[in-house]
């Protein structure tokens, strides 16, 4: 019996888990080659960074969590592991091949292939936004695009909701500091490259 068990062919779910990193890596490199400025990194986010971002999302979730820039799904996976219900998670990804990858990996999560600056209008029912988790490369995007994204986030965040952004800027102020109140940040030196997770909320004087 032992020999039979050891000789079994791996099931479909096991095979999918084995090949998922290779598929994700190929999709990421393809997207990077086609549009490096919108990807903003030479490798996907690390598990440590993704989990640190997900840990900033308060539970239970009241409304929806919107992830901007889903990429290959590292942060998406961490949000689900954190306890965000898949039916309350909306992922926005502009790159068509990466959006297709996300739909295949997370069938119960709503994936929107589109521009983060206009994504809220594409979510049915205009739900309450509990948190926005952003992996967008704000430092490498054109200034007008960043301004439009900030306006979109500002308009859709609930009063007590959080904006969680990671950046490769390890000091100084970024574009979000001019529009939101900064709560705190955490630095991940072992990410490649080193990164910082910053947490914001709506400016009280808005």
N, C-alpha and C. Protein backbone atom coordinates (compact mmCIF):
# COMPACT_ATOMS: atom_id res chain seq x y z
N UNK A 1 0.83 -1.21 0.00
CA UNK A 1 0.00 0.00 0.00
C UNK A 1 0.87 1.26 0.00
N UNK A 2 1.94 1.22 0.77
CA UNK A 2 2.82 2.39 0.82
C UNK A 2 3.41 2.71 -0.55
N UNK A 3 3.83 1.67 -1.28
CA UNK A 3 4.43 1.87 -2.60
C UNK A 3 3.43 2.47 -3.57
N UNK A 4 2.16 2.03 -3.43
CA UNK A 4 1.12 2.57 -4.31
C UNK A 4 0.92 4.05 -4.04
N UNK A 5 0.87 4.41 -2.75
CA UNK A 5 0.67 5.82 -2.39
C UNK A 5 1.82 6.67 -2.90
N UNK A 6 3.04 6.18 -2.73
CA UNK A 6 4.18 6.96 -3.18
C UNK A 6 4.23 7.08 -4.69
N UNK A 7 3.62 6.14 -5.38
CA UNK A 7 3.65 6.15 -6.83
C UNK A 7 2.50 6.90 -7.46
N UNK A 8 1.60 7.44 -6.64
CA UNK A 8 0.47 8.18 -7.18
C UNK A 8 0.93 9.43 -7.91
N UNK A 9 0.21 9.77 -8.94
CA UNK A 9 0.47 11.02 -9.64
C UNK A 9 -0.13 12.17 -8.84
N UNK A 10 0.53 13.29 -8.75
CA UNK A 10 -0.01 14.40 -7.95
C UNK A 10 -1.35 14.88 -8.50
N UNK A 11 -2.26 15.25 -7.58
CA UNK A 11 -3.57 15.73 -7.99
C UNK A 11 -3.49 17.07 -8.68
N UNK A 12 -4.61 17.47 -9.28
CA UNK A 12 -4.65 18.72 -10.03
C UNK A 12 -4.33 19.92 -9.16
N UNK A 13 -4.85 19.94 -7.93
CA UNK A 13 -4.61 21.07 -7.04
C UNK A 13 -3.12 21.18 -6.69
N UNK A 14 -2.48 20.02 -6.47
CA UNK A 14 -1.05 20.02 -6.14
C UNK A 14 -0.24 20.53 -7.32
N UNK A 15 -0.59 20.08 -8.51
CA UNK A 15 0.12 20.52 -9.71
C UNK A 15 -0.01 22.03 -9.89
N UNK A 16 -1.22 22.55 -9.66
CA UNK A 16 -1.43 23.99 -9.80
C UNK A 16 -0.54 24.77 -8.84
N UNK A 17 -0.43 24.26 -7.60
CA UNK A 17 0.41 24.94 -6.61
C UNK A 17 1.88 24.89 -7.01
N UNK A 18 2.29 23.78 -7.63
CA UNK A 18 3.69 23.61 -8.02
C UNK A 18 4.08 24.55 -9.15
N UNK A 19 3.17 24.75 -10.11
CA UNK A 19 3.52 25.55 -11.28
C UNK A 19 3.12 27.01 -11.16
N UNK A 20 2.32 27.34 -10.13
CA UNK A 20 1.84 28.73 -9.98
C UNK A 20 2.96 29.75 -9.93
N UNK A 21 4.06 29.50 -9.14
CA UNK A 21 5.13 30.51 -9.12
C UNK A 21 5.75 30.76 -10.48
N UNK A 22 5.93 29.70 -11.27
CA UNK A 22 6.52 29.86 -12.60
C UNK A 22 5.60 30.66 -13.51
N UNK A 23 4.30 30.37 -13.45
CA UNK A 23 3.33 31.10 -14.27
C UNK A 23 3.28 32.56 -13.86
N UNK A 24 3.24 32.81 -12.54
CA UNK A 24 3.20 34.19 -12.05
C UNK A 24 4.46 34.95 -12.45
N UNK A 25 5.61 34.27 -12.32
CA UNK A 25 6.86 34.92 -12.68
C UNK A 25 6.93 35.27 -14.15
N UNK A 26 6.46 34.37 -15.00
CA UNK A 26 6.46 34.63 -16.44
C UNK A 26 5.53 35.78 -16.78
N UNK A 27 4.35 35.82 -16.15
CA UNK A 27 3.40 36.91 -16.40
C UNK A 27 3.97 38.24 -15.94
N UNK A 28 4.64 38.23 -14.79
CA UNK A 28 5.24 39.47 -14.27
C UNK A 28 6.32 39.99 -15.20
N UNK A 29 7.22 39.10 -15.65
CA UNK A 29 8.31 39.53 -16.51
C UNK A 29 7.78 40.02 -17.86
N UNK A 30 6.72 39.38 -18.36
CA UNK A 30 6.12 39.84 -19.61
C UNK A 30 5.54 41.24 -19.47
N UNK A 31 4.84 41.47 -18.34
CA UNK A 31 4.26 42.79 -18.10
C UNK A 31 5.35 43.84 -17.90
N UNK A 32 6.43 43.45 -17.22
CA UNK A 32 7.54 44.37 -16.99
C UNK A 32 8.20 44.77 -18.31
N UNK A 33 8.35 43.80 -19.21
CA UNK A 33 8.98 44.08 -20.50
C UNK A 33 8.12 45.02 -21.34
N UNK A 34 6.79 44.85 -21.25
CA UNK A 34 5.91 45.66 -22.09
C UNK A 34 5.71 47.06 -21.52
N UNK A 35 5.67 47.17 -20.19
CA UNK A 35 5.37 48.49 -19.60
C UNK A 35 6.10 48.65 -18.27
N UNK A 36 7.42 48.86 -18.29
CA UNK A 36 8.19 48.92 -17.04
C UNK A 36 7.79 50.04 -16.11
N UNK A 37 7.32 51.16 -16.65
CA UNK A 37 6.99 52.31 -15.78
C UNK A 37 5.75 52.03 -14.94
N UNK A 38 4.80 51.26 -15.46
CA UNK A 38 3.59 50.98 -14.69
C UNK A 38 3.78 49.83 -13.72
N UNK A 39 4.83 49.02 -13.89
CA UNK A 39 5.12 47.94 -12.96
C UNK A 39 5.92 48.47 -11.78
N UNK A 40 7.00 49.20 -12.06
CA UNK A 40 7.71 49.93 -11.01
C UNK A 40 8.65 49.12 -10.15
N UNK A 41 8.86 47.82 -10.45
CA UNK A 41 9.79 47.00 -9.68
C UNK A 41 10.36 45.93 -10.59
N UNK A 42 11.55 45.43 -10.22
CA UNK A 42 12.17 44.40 -11.05
C UNK A 42 11.76 43.00 -10.64
N UNK A 43 11.15 42.85 -9.46
CA UNK A 43 10.65 41.56 -8.98
C UNK A 43 9.33 41.78 -8.25
N UNK A 44 8.47 40.74 -8.15
CA UNK A 44 7.23 40.90 -7.38
C UNK A 44 7.51 41.18 -5.91
N UNK A 45 6.50 41.72 -5.22
CA UNK A 45 6.64 42.01 -3.80
C UNK A 45 6.91 40.73 -3.02
N UNK A 46 7.71 40.85 -1.96
CA UNK A 46 8.02 39.68 -1.14
C UNK A 46 6.84 39.30 -0.26
N UNK A 47 6.86 38.05 0.24
CA UNK A 47 5.80 37.60 1.13
C UNK A 47 5.77 38.43 2.41
N UNK A 48 6.96 38.80 2.90
CA UNK A 48 7.02 39.60 4.12
C UNK A 48 6.34 40.96 3.93
N UNK A 49 6.63 41.60 2.81
CA UNK A 49 6.01 42.89 2.52
C UNK A 49 4.51 42.74 2.36
N UNK A 50 4.08 41.72 1.62
CA UNK A 50 2.66 41.50 1.38
C UNK A 50 1.91 41.26 2.69
N UNK A 51 2.49 40.45 3.55
CA UNK A 51 1.84 40.14 4.83
C UNK A 51 1.81 41.36 5.74
N UNK A 52 2.85 42.18 5.68
CA UNK A 52 2.87 43.39 6.50
C UNK A 52 1.78 44.37 6.06
N UNK A 53 1.57 44.45 4.74
CA UNK A 53 0.50 45.32 4.24
C UNK A 53 -0.86 44.79 4.66
N UNK A 54 -1.05 43.48 4.51
CA UNK A 54 -2.34 42.87 4.86
C UNK A 54 -2.64 43.02 6.35
N UNK A 55 -1.60 42.98 7.17
CA UNK A 55 -1.79 43.09 8.62
C UNK A 55 -2.33 44.44 9.04
N UNK A 56 -2.19 45.44 8.19
CA UNK A 56 -2.68 46.78 8.51
C UNK A 56 -4.19 46.93 8.26
N UNK A 57 -4.81 45.97 7.60
CA UNK A 57 -6.26 46.04 7.32
C UNK A 57 -7.03 45.62 8.56
N UNK A 58 -7.84 46.50 9.13
CA UNK A 58 -8.60 46.14 10.33
C UNK A 58 -9.65 45.08 10.03
N UNK A 59 -9.86 44.20 11.00
CA UNK A 59 -10.90 43.17 10.90
C UNK A 59 -11.90 43.37 12.02
N UNK A 60 -13.19 43.01 11.81
CA UNK A 60 -13.77 42.48 10.57
C UNK A 60 -13.93 43.57 9.52
N UNK A 61 -14.12 43.13 8.29
CA UNK A 61 -14.23 44.06 7.16
C UNK A 61 -15.66 44.56 7.04
N UNK A 62 -15.81 45.88 7.11
CA UNK A 62 -17.12 46.52 6.97
C UNK A 62 -17.18 47.20 5.61
N UNK A 63 -17.66 46.50 4.60
CA UNK A 63 -17.68 47.02 3.24
C UNK A 63 -16.77 46.20 2.35
N UNK A 64 -15.95 46.87 1.55
CA UNK A 64 -15.03 46.15 0.67
C UNK A 64 -13.61 46.67 0.87
N UNK A 65 -12.67 45.81 0.60
CA UNK A 65 -11.26 46.19 0.54
C UNK A 65 -10.89 46.26 -0.94
N UNK A 66 -10.31 47.38 -1.36
CA UNK A 66 -9.92 47.55 -2.75
C UNK A 66 -8.39 47.53 -2.83
N UNK A 67 -7.89 46.59 -3.62
CA UNK A 67 -6.46 46.51 -3.85
C UNK A 67 -6.15 47.12 -5.21
N UNK A 68 -5.29 48.10 -5.24
CA UNK A 68 -4.91 48.78 -6.48
C UNK A 68 -3.55 48.25 -6.94
N UNK A 69 -3.51 47.70 -8.15
CA UNK A 69 -2.27 47.14 -8.68
C UNK A 69 -2.05 45.73 -8.17
N UNK A 70 -2.91 44.80 -8.59
CA UNK A 70 -2.86 43.43 -8.08
C UNK A 70 -1.62 42.65 -8.47
N UNK A 71 -1.03 42.99 -9.62
CA UNK A 71 0.19 42.30 -10.05
C UNK A 71 -0.02 40.81 -10.21
N UNK A 72 0.87 40.01 -9.61
CA UNK A 72 0.76 38.55 -9.70
C UNK A 72 -0.05 37.95 -8.56
N UNK A 73 -0.50 38.79 -7.60
CA UNK A 73 -1.38 38.29 -6.55
C UNK A 73 -0.74 38.04 -5.20
N UNK A 74 0.50 38.51 -5.01
CA UNK A 74 1.14 38.30 -3.70
C UNK A 74 0.35 38.99 -2.59
N UNK A 75 -0.02 40.24 -2.79
CA UNK A 75 -0.76 40.97 -1.76
C UNK A 75 -2.18 40.44 -1.66
N UNK A 76 -2.78 40.08 -2.79
CA UNK A 76 -4.13 39.49 -2.79
C UNK A 76 -4.17 38.25 -1.91
N UNK A 77 -3.19 37.38 -2.10
CA UNK A 77 -3.11 36.16 -1.30
C UNK A 77 -2.95 36.47 0.19
N UNK A 78 -2.12 37.46 0.50
CA UNK A 78 -1.91 37.84 1.90
C UNK A 78 -3.17 38.42 2.52
N UNK A 79 -3.95 39.18 1.75
CA UNK A 79 -5.21 39.73 2.26
C UNK A 79 -6.20 38.62 2.58
N UNK A 80 -6.26 37.61 1.73
CA UNK A 80 -7.16 36.48 1.99
C UNK A 80 -6.69 35.69 3.20
N UNK A 81 -5.37 35.49 3.34
CA UNK A 81 -4.83 34.81 4.52
C UNK A 81 -5.10 35.62 5.79
N UNK A 82 -5.11 36.92 5.66
CA UNK A 82 -5.39 37.80 6.80
C UNK A 82 -6.81 37.62 7.31
N UNK A 83 -7.73 37.22 6.43
CA UNK A 83 -9.12 37.04 6.82
C UNK A 83 -10.10 37.91 6.08
N UNK A 84 -9.62 38.62 5.05
CA UNK A 84 -10.54 39.41 4.23
C UNK A 84 -11.38 38.44 3.40
N UNK A 85 -12.71 38.45 3.53
CA UNK A 85 -13.54 37.53 2.74
C UNK A 85 -13.37 37.79 1.25
N UNK A 86 -13.23 36.74 0.43
CA UNK A 86 -12.99 36.95 -1.00
C UNK A 86 -14.08 37.76 -1.69
N UNK A 87 -15.33 37.60 -1.22
CA UNK A 87 -16.44 38.34 -1.83
C UNK A 87 -16.42 39.82 -1.44
N UNK A 88 -15.56 40.19 -0.49
CA UNK A 88 -15.42 41.59 -0.08
C UNK A 88 -14.09 42.19 -0.51
N UNK A 89 -13.43 41.51 -1.43
CA UNK A 89 -12.14 41.98 -1.94
C UNK A 89 -12.27 42.28 -3.43
N UNK A 90 -11.87 43.49 -3.81
CA UNK A 90 -11.89 43.93 -5.21
C UNK A 90 -10.46 44.28 -5.60
N UNK A 91 -9.96 43.65 -6.65
CA UNK A 91 -8.60 43.88 -7.10
C UNK A 91 -8.62 44.59 -8.46
N UNK A 92 -7.89 45.68 -8.56
CA UNK A 92 -7.81 46.46 -9.79
C UNK A 92 -6.42 46.27 -10.39
N UNK A 93 -6.36 45.82 -11.64
CA UNK A 93 -5.09 45.62 -12.33
C UNK A 93 -5.23 46.09 -13.77
N UNK A 94 -4.35 46.99 -14.17
CA UNK A 94 -4.45 47.57 -15.51
C UNK A 94 -3.95 46.64 -16.60
N UNK A 95 -2.95 45.82 -16.30
CA UNK A 95 -2.35 44.95 -17.31
C UNK A 95 -3.28 43.76 -17.61
N UNK A 96 -3.69 43.55 -18.86
CA UNK A 96 -4.65 42.49 -19.18
C UNK A 96 -4.16 41.09 -18.82
N UNK A 97 -2.88 40.78 -19.08
CA UNK A 97 -2.39 39.43 -18.80
C UNK A 97 -2.33 39.17 -17.29
N UNK A 98 -1.95 40.18 -16.52
CA UNK A 98 -1.93 40.01 -15.06
C UNK A 98 -3.35 39.92 -14.50
N UNK A 99 -4.28 40.68 -15.06
CA UNK A 99 -5.68 40.59 -14.62
C UNK A 99 -6.24 39.19 -14.89
N UNK A 100 -5.92 38.62 -16.04
CA UNK A 100 -6.36 37.25 -16.35
C UNK A 100 -5.76 36.26 -15.36
N UNK A 101 -4.48 36.44 -15.03
CA UNK A 101 -3.83 35.57 -14.06
C UNK A 101 -4.53 35.64 -12.71
N UNK A 102 -4.88 36.86 -12.27
CA UNK A 102 -5.55 37.03 -10.98
C UNK A 102 -6.92 36.34 -10.98
N UNK A 103 -7.65 36.44 -12.07
CA UNK A 103 -8.97 35.79 -12.14
C UNK A 103 -8.84 34.27 -12.03
N UNK A 104 -7.80 33.73 -12.63
CA UNK A 104 -7.59 32.28 -12.57
C UNK A 104 -7.15 31.85 -11.18
N UNK A 105 -6.33 32.66 -10.52
CA UNK A 105 -5.82 32.30 -9.20
C UNK A 105 -6.87 32.49 -8.11
N UNK A 106 -7.72 33.53 -8.25
CA UNK A 106 -8.66 33.88 -7.19
C UNK A 106 -10.06 34.01 -7.78
N UNK A 107 -10.70 32.88 -7.99
CA UNK A 107 -11.97 32.86 -8.72
C UNK A 107 -13.11 33.54 -7.96
N UNK A 108 -13.02 33.64 -6.64
CA UNK A 108 -14.09 34.25 -5.85
C UNK A 108 -13.88 35.75 -5.61
N UNK A 109 -12.75 36.26 -6.05
CA UNK A 109 -12.43 37.68 -5.88
C UNK A 109 -12.83 38.43 -7.14
N UNK A 110 -13.41 39.63 -6.97
CA UNK A 110 -13.74 40.44 -8.13
C UNK A 110 -12.48 41.14 -8.63
N UNK A 111 -12.10 40.85 -9.86
CA UNK A 111 -10.93 41.46 -10.48
C UNK A 111 -11.39 42.40 -11.59
N UNK A 112 -10.97 43.65 -11.50
CA UNK A 112 -11.31 44.66 -12.50
C UNK A 112 -10.07 44.97 -13.31
N UNK A 113 -10.14 44.75 -14.60
CA UNK A 113 -9.03 45.12 -15.48
C UNK A 113 -9.29 46.54 -15.96
N UNK A 114 -8.57 47.50 -15.38
CA UNK A 114 -8.85 48.88 -15.70
C UNK A 114 -7.92 49.84 -14.98
N UNK A 115 -8.20 51.11 -15.15
CA UNK A 115 -7.39 52.19 -14.62
C UNK A 115 -7.78 52.49 -13.18
N UNK A 116 -6.80 52.54 -12.29
CA UNK A 116 -7.07 52.81 -10.88
C UNK A 116 -7.69 54.18 -10.67
N UNK A 117 -7.49 55.10 -11.59
CA UNK A 117 -8.02 56.45 -11.45
C UNK A 117 -9.52 56.51 -11.69
N UNK A 118 -10.12 55.42 -12.19
CA UNK A 118 -11.56 55.43 -12.50
C UNK A 118 -12.24 54.14 -12.04
N UNK A 119 -11.61 53.38 -11.15
CA UNK A 119 -12.08 52.03 -10.84
C UNK A 119 -13.37 51.99 -10.03
N UNK A 120 -13.60 52.97 -9.15
CA UNK A 120 -14.73 52.88 -8.23
C UNK A 120 -16.06 52.84 -8.97
N UNK A 121 -16.14 53.54 -10.09
CA UNK A 121 -17.38 53.55 -10.87
C UNK A 121 -17.68 52.20 -11.50
N UNK A 122 -16.68 51.31 -11.55
CA UNK A 122 -16.86 50.00 -12.15
C UNK A 122 -17.29 48.93 -11.14
N UNK A 123 -17.38 49.31 -9.86
CA UNK A 123 -17.80 48.36 -8.82
C UNK A 123 -19.30 48.50 -8.62
N UNK A 124 -20.08 47.45 -8.87
CA UNK A 124 -21.54 47.53 -8.76
C UNK A 124 -21.98 47.95 -7.36
N UNK A 125 -22.91 48.87 -7.30
CA UNK A 125 -23.51 49.27 -6.04
C UNK A 125 -22.76 50.32 -5.25
N UNK A 126 -21.61 50.76 -5.74
CA UNK A 126 -20.80 51.75 -5.02
C UNK A 126 -20.71 51.42 -3.52
N UNK A 127 -20.12 50.28 -3.16
CA UNK A 127 -20.10 49.84 -1.76
C UNK A 127 -19.22 50.71 -0.87
N UNK A 128 -19.44 50.59 0.42
CA UNK A 128 -18.58 51.28 1.39
C UNK A 128 -17.18 50.70 1.29
N UNK A 129 -16.18 51.57 1.25
CA UNK A 129 -14.79 51.13 1.13
C UNK A 129 -14.15 51.11 2.52
N UNK A 130 -13.83 49.93 2.98
CA UNK A 130 -13.26 49.71 4.30
C UNK A 130 -11.77 50.07 4.33
N UNK A 131 -11.06 49.77 3.24
CA UNK A 131 -9.64 50.07 3.14
C UNK A 131 -9.21 50.00 1.67
N UNK A 132 -8.21 50.79 1.35
CA UNK A 132 -7.56 50.71 0.04
C UNK A 132 -6.13 50.26 0.27
N UNK A 133 -5.74 49.19 -0.39
CA UNK A 133 -4.39 48.66 -0.29
C UNK A 133 -3.73 48.85 -1.66
N UNK A 134 -2.68 49.63 -1.71
CA UNK A 134 -2.11 50.02 -3.00
C UNK A 134 -0.68 49.54 -3.18
N UNK A 135 -0.48 48.85 -4.31
CA UNK A 135 0.86 48.48 -4.73
C UNK A 135 1.27 49.26 -5.96
N UNK A 136 0.59 50.35 -6.22
CA UNK A 136 0.88 51.15 -7.41
C UNK A 136 2.23 51.85 -7.28
N UNK A 137 3.01 51.91 -8.35
CA UNK A 137 4.33 52.57 -8.31
C UNK A 137 4.20 54.08 -8.46
N UNK A 138 3.72 54.75 -7.45
CA UNK A 138 3.42 56.17 -7.55
C UNK A 138 4.65 57.02 -7.87
N UNK A 139 5.83 56.54 -7.49
CA UNK A 139 7.04 57.31 -7.75
C UNK A 139 7.46 57.29 -9.21
N UNK A 140 7.00 56.30 -9.97
CA UNK A 140 7.41 56.20 -11.36
C UNK A 140 6.31 56.58 -12.34
N UNK A 141 5.11 56.84 -11.85
CA UNK A 141 4.01 57.22 -12.73
C UNK A 141 4.04 58.72 -13.00
N UNK A 142 3.50 59.16 -14.15
CA UNK A 142 3.43 60.60 -14.44
C UNK A 142 2.63 61.34 -13.35
N UNK A 143 3.01 62.57 -13.09
CA UNK A 143 2.40 63.35 -12.02
C UNK A 143 0.89 63.48 -12.18
N UNK A 144 0.41 63.69 -13.40
CA UNK A 144 -1.03 63.85 -13.61
C UNK A 144 -1.78 62.56 -13.32
N UNK A 145 -1.16 61.42 -13.60
CA UNK A 145 -1.78 60.12 -13.31
C UNK A 145 -1.88 59.94 -11.79
N UNK A 146 -0.81 60.27 -11.08
CA UNK A 146 -0.81 60.15 -9.62
C UNK A 146 -1.88 61.06 -9.01
N UNK A 147 -2.01 62.27 -9.53
CA UNK A 147 -3.03 63.19 -9.03
C UNK A 147 -4.44 62.63 -9.24
N UNK A 148 -4.68 61.99 -10.38
CA UNK A 148 -5.99 61.40 -10.64
C UNK A 148 -6.26 60.22 -9.72
N UNK A 149 -5.23 59.42 -9.46
CA UNK A 149 -5.39 58.28 -8.55
C UNK A 149 -5.70 58.77 -7.14
N UNK A 150 -5.00 59.80 -6.69
CA UNK A 150 -5.24 60.37 -5.36
C UNK A 150 -6.67 60.90 -5.25
N UNK A 151 -7.15 61.58 -6.28
CA UNK A 151 -8.53 62.08 -6.28
C UNK A 151 -9.53 60.94 -6.18
N UNK A 152 -9.27 59.84 -6.89
CA UNK A 152 -10.16 58.69 -6.85
C UNK A 152 -10.20 58.08 -5.46
N UNK A 153 -9.02 57.89 -4.85
CA UNK A 153 -8.96 57.32 -3.50
C UNK A 153 -9.66 58.24 -2.52
N UNK A 154 -9.43 59.52 -2.63
CA UNK A 154 -10.03 60.49 -1.73
C UNK A 154 -11.55 60.45 -1.78
N UNK A 155 -12.09 60.24 -2.97
CA UNK A 155 -13.54 60.25 -3.14
C UNK A 155 -14.21 58.96 -2.68
N UNK A 156 -13.46 57.85 -2.64
CA UNK A 156 -14.13 56.58 -2.33
C UNK A 156 -13.87 56.06 -0.92
N UNK A 157 -12.88 56.59 -0.21
CA UNK A 157 -12.61 56.11 1.13
C UNK A 157 -13.70 56.55 2.10
N UNK A 158 -14.14 55.62 2.96
CA UNK A 158 -15.04 55.99 4.04
C UNK A 158 -14.26 56.83 5.06
N UNK A 159 -14.99 57.57 5.90
CA UNK A 159 -14.35 58.52 6.82
C UNK A 159 -13.35 57.85 7.75
N UNK A 160 -13.63 56.61 8.18
CA UNK A 160 -12.75 55.93 9.12
C UNK A 160 -11.89 54.87 8.43
N UNK A 161 -11.84 54.87 7.11
CA UNK A 161 -11.10 53.86 6.36
C UNK A 161 -9.62 54.21 6.28
N UNK A 162 -8.81 53.20 5.94
CA UNK A 162 -7.37 53.38 5.85
C UNK A 162 -6.90 53.22 4.41
N UNK A 163 -5.83 53.93 4.10
CA UNK A 163 -5.10 53.76 2.84
C UNK A 163 -3.74 53.20 3.20
N UNK A 164 -3.42 52.04 2.62
CA UNK A 164 -2.16 51.35 2.91
C UNK A 164 -1.36 51.28 1.61
N UNK A 165 -0.20 51.87 1.60
CA UNK A 165 0.62 51.99 0.39
C UNK A 165 2.04 51.52 0.68
N UNK A 166 2.63 50.76 -0.25
CA UNK A 166 4.05 50.50 -0.07
C UNK A 166 4.85 51.31 -1.08
N UNK A 167 6.06 51.65 -0.68
CA UNK A 167 6.91 52.50 -1.50
C UNK A 167 8.36 52.07 -1.34
N UNK A 168 9.18 52.35 -2.35
CA UNK A 168 10.61 52.12 -2.25
C UNK A 168 11.35 53.38 -1.79
N UNK A 169 10.58 54.43 -1.48
CA UNK A 169 11.16 55.64 -0.91
C UNK A 169 11.28 55.43 0.60
N UNK A 170 12.49 55.41 1.11
CA UNK A 170 12.72 55.07 2.51
C UNK A 170 12.83 56.29 3.42
N UNK A 171 12.79 57.48 2.85
CA UNK A 171 12.84 58.69 3.68
C UNK A 171 12.09 59.81 2.97
N UNK A 172 11.78 60.86 3.72
CA UNK A 172 11.10 62.00 3.13
C UNK A 172 9.61 61.77 2.94
N UNK A 173 8.99 62.71 2.26
CA UNK A 173 7.56 62.68 2.03
C UNK A 173 7.25 62.33 0.58
N UNK A 174 6.19 61.58 0.39
CA UNK A 174 5.75 61.21 -0.95
C UNK A 174 4.50 61.95 -1.35
N UNK A 175 3.93 61.65 -2.53
CA UNK A 175 2.75 62.37 -3.01
C UNK A 175 1.52 62.19 -2.13
N UNK A 176 1.42 61.09 -1.40
CA UNK A 176 0.23 60.86 -0.57
C UNK A 176 0.22 61.75 0.67
N UNK A 177 1.39 62.20 1.12
CA UNK A 177 1.45 63.04 2.33
C UNK A 177 0.76 64.38 2.12
N UNK A 178 0.70 64.83 0.89
CA UNK A 178 0.07 66.13 0.62
C UNK A 178 -1.45 66.04 0.63
N UNK A 179 -2.00 64.82 0.52
CA UNK A 179 -3.44 64.67 0.39
C UNK A 179 -4.10 63.95 1.57
N UNK A 180 -3.33 63.18 2.34
CA UNK A 180 -3.89 62.37 3.42
C UNK A 180 -3.10 62.59 4.71
N UNK A 181 -3.71 62.24 5.83
CA UNK A 181 -3.02 62.29 7.12
C UNK A 181 -2.24 61.00 7.31
N UNK A 182 -0.93 61.14 7.57
CA UNK A 182 -0.07 59.98 7.78
C UNK A 182 -0.21 59.48 9.22
N UNK A 183 -0.43 58.16 9.38
CA UNK A 183 -0.58 57.58 10.71
C UNK A 183 0.73 56.96 11.19
N UNK A 184 1.31 56.08 10.39
CA UNK A 184 2.58 55.46 10.76
C UNK A 184 3.16 54.74 9.55
N UNK A 185 4.38 54.24 9.68
CA UNK A 185 4.99 53.46 8.62
C UNK A 185 5.89 52.39 9.22
N UNK A 186 6.17 51.37 8.42
CA UNK A 186 7.08 50.30 8.82
C UNK A 186 8.01 50.00 7.65
N UNK A 187 9.27 49.79 7.93
CA UNK A 187 10.27 49.55 6.90
C UNK A 187 10.62 48.07 6.83
N UNK A 188 10.73 47.54 5.61
CA UNK A 188 11.09 46.14 5.38
C UNK A 188 12.41 46.13 4.63
N UNK A 189 13.50 45.99 5.37
CA UNK A 189 14.83 46.05 4.76
C UNK A 189 15.14 44.81 3.94
N UNK A 190 14.47 43.68 4.24
CA UNK A 190 14.80 42.44 3.56
C UNK A 190 13.98 42.22 2.29
N UNK A 191 13.15 43.19 1.94
CA UNK A 191 12.49 43.12 0.63
C UNK A 191 13.53 43.50 -0.44
N UNK A 192 13.27 43.08 -1.70
CA UNK A 192 14.17 43.44 -2.81
C UNK A 192 13.38 44.29 -3.81
N UNK A 193 13.69 45.61 -3.90
CA UNK A 193 14.57 46.39 -3.01
C UNK A 193 13.87 46.67 -1.68
N UNK A 194 14.60 47.19 -0.68
CA UNK A 194 13.96 47.55 0.60
C UNK A 194 12.76 48.47 0.37
N UNK A 195 11.75 48.28 1.20
CA UNK A 195 10.49 49.02 0.99
C UNK A 195 9.95 49.52 2.32
N UNK A 196 8.91 50.35 2.21
CA UNK A 196 8.26 50.89 3.39
C UNK A 196 6.75 50.80 3.22
N UNK A 197 6.04 50.35 4.24
CA UNK A 197 4.59 50.32 4.25
C UNK A 197 4.10 51.55 5.01
N UNK A 198 3.31 52.38 4.33
CA UNK A 198 2.81 53.61 4.93
C UNK A 198 1.29 53.53 5.07
N UNK A 199 0.78 54.02 6.18
CA UNK A 199 -0.66 53.97 6.46
C UNK A 199 -1.20 55.39 6.61
N UNK A 200 -2.28 55.67 5.88
CA UNK A 200 -2.90 57.00 5.87
C UNK A 200 -4.40 56.89 6.14
N UNK A 201 -5.00 58.04 6.44
CA UNK A 201 -6.45 58.14 6.48
C UNK A 201 -6.84 59.48 5.86
N UNK A 202 -8.13 59.67 5.65
CA UNK A 202 -8.59 60.92 5.07
C UNK A 202 -8.20 62.11 5.95
N UNK A 203 -7.86 63.18 5.31
CA UNK A 203 -7.52 64.40 6.05
C UNK A 203 -8.76 64.93 6.75
N UNK A 204 -8.64 65.23 8.03
CA UNK A 204 -9.80 65.64 8.83
C UNK A 204 -10.43 66.92 8.32
N UNK A 205 -9.65 67.79 7.71
CA UNK A 205 -10.16 69.05 7.23
C UNK A 205 -10.78 68.97 5.84
N UNK A 206 -10.92 67.72 5.31
CA UNK A 206 -11.47 67.57 3.95
C UNK A 206 -12.87 68.11 3.87
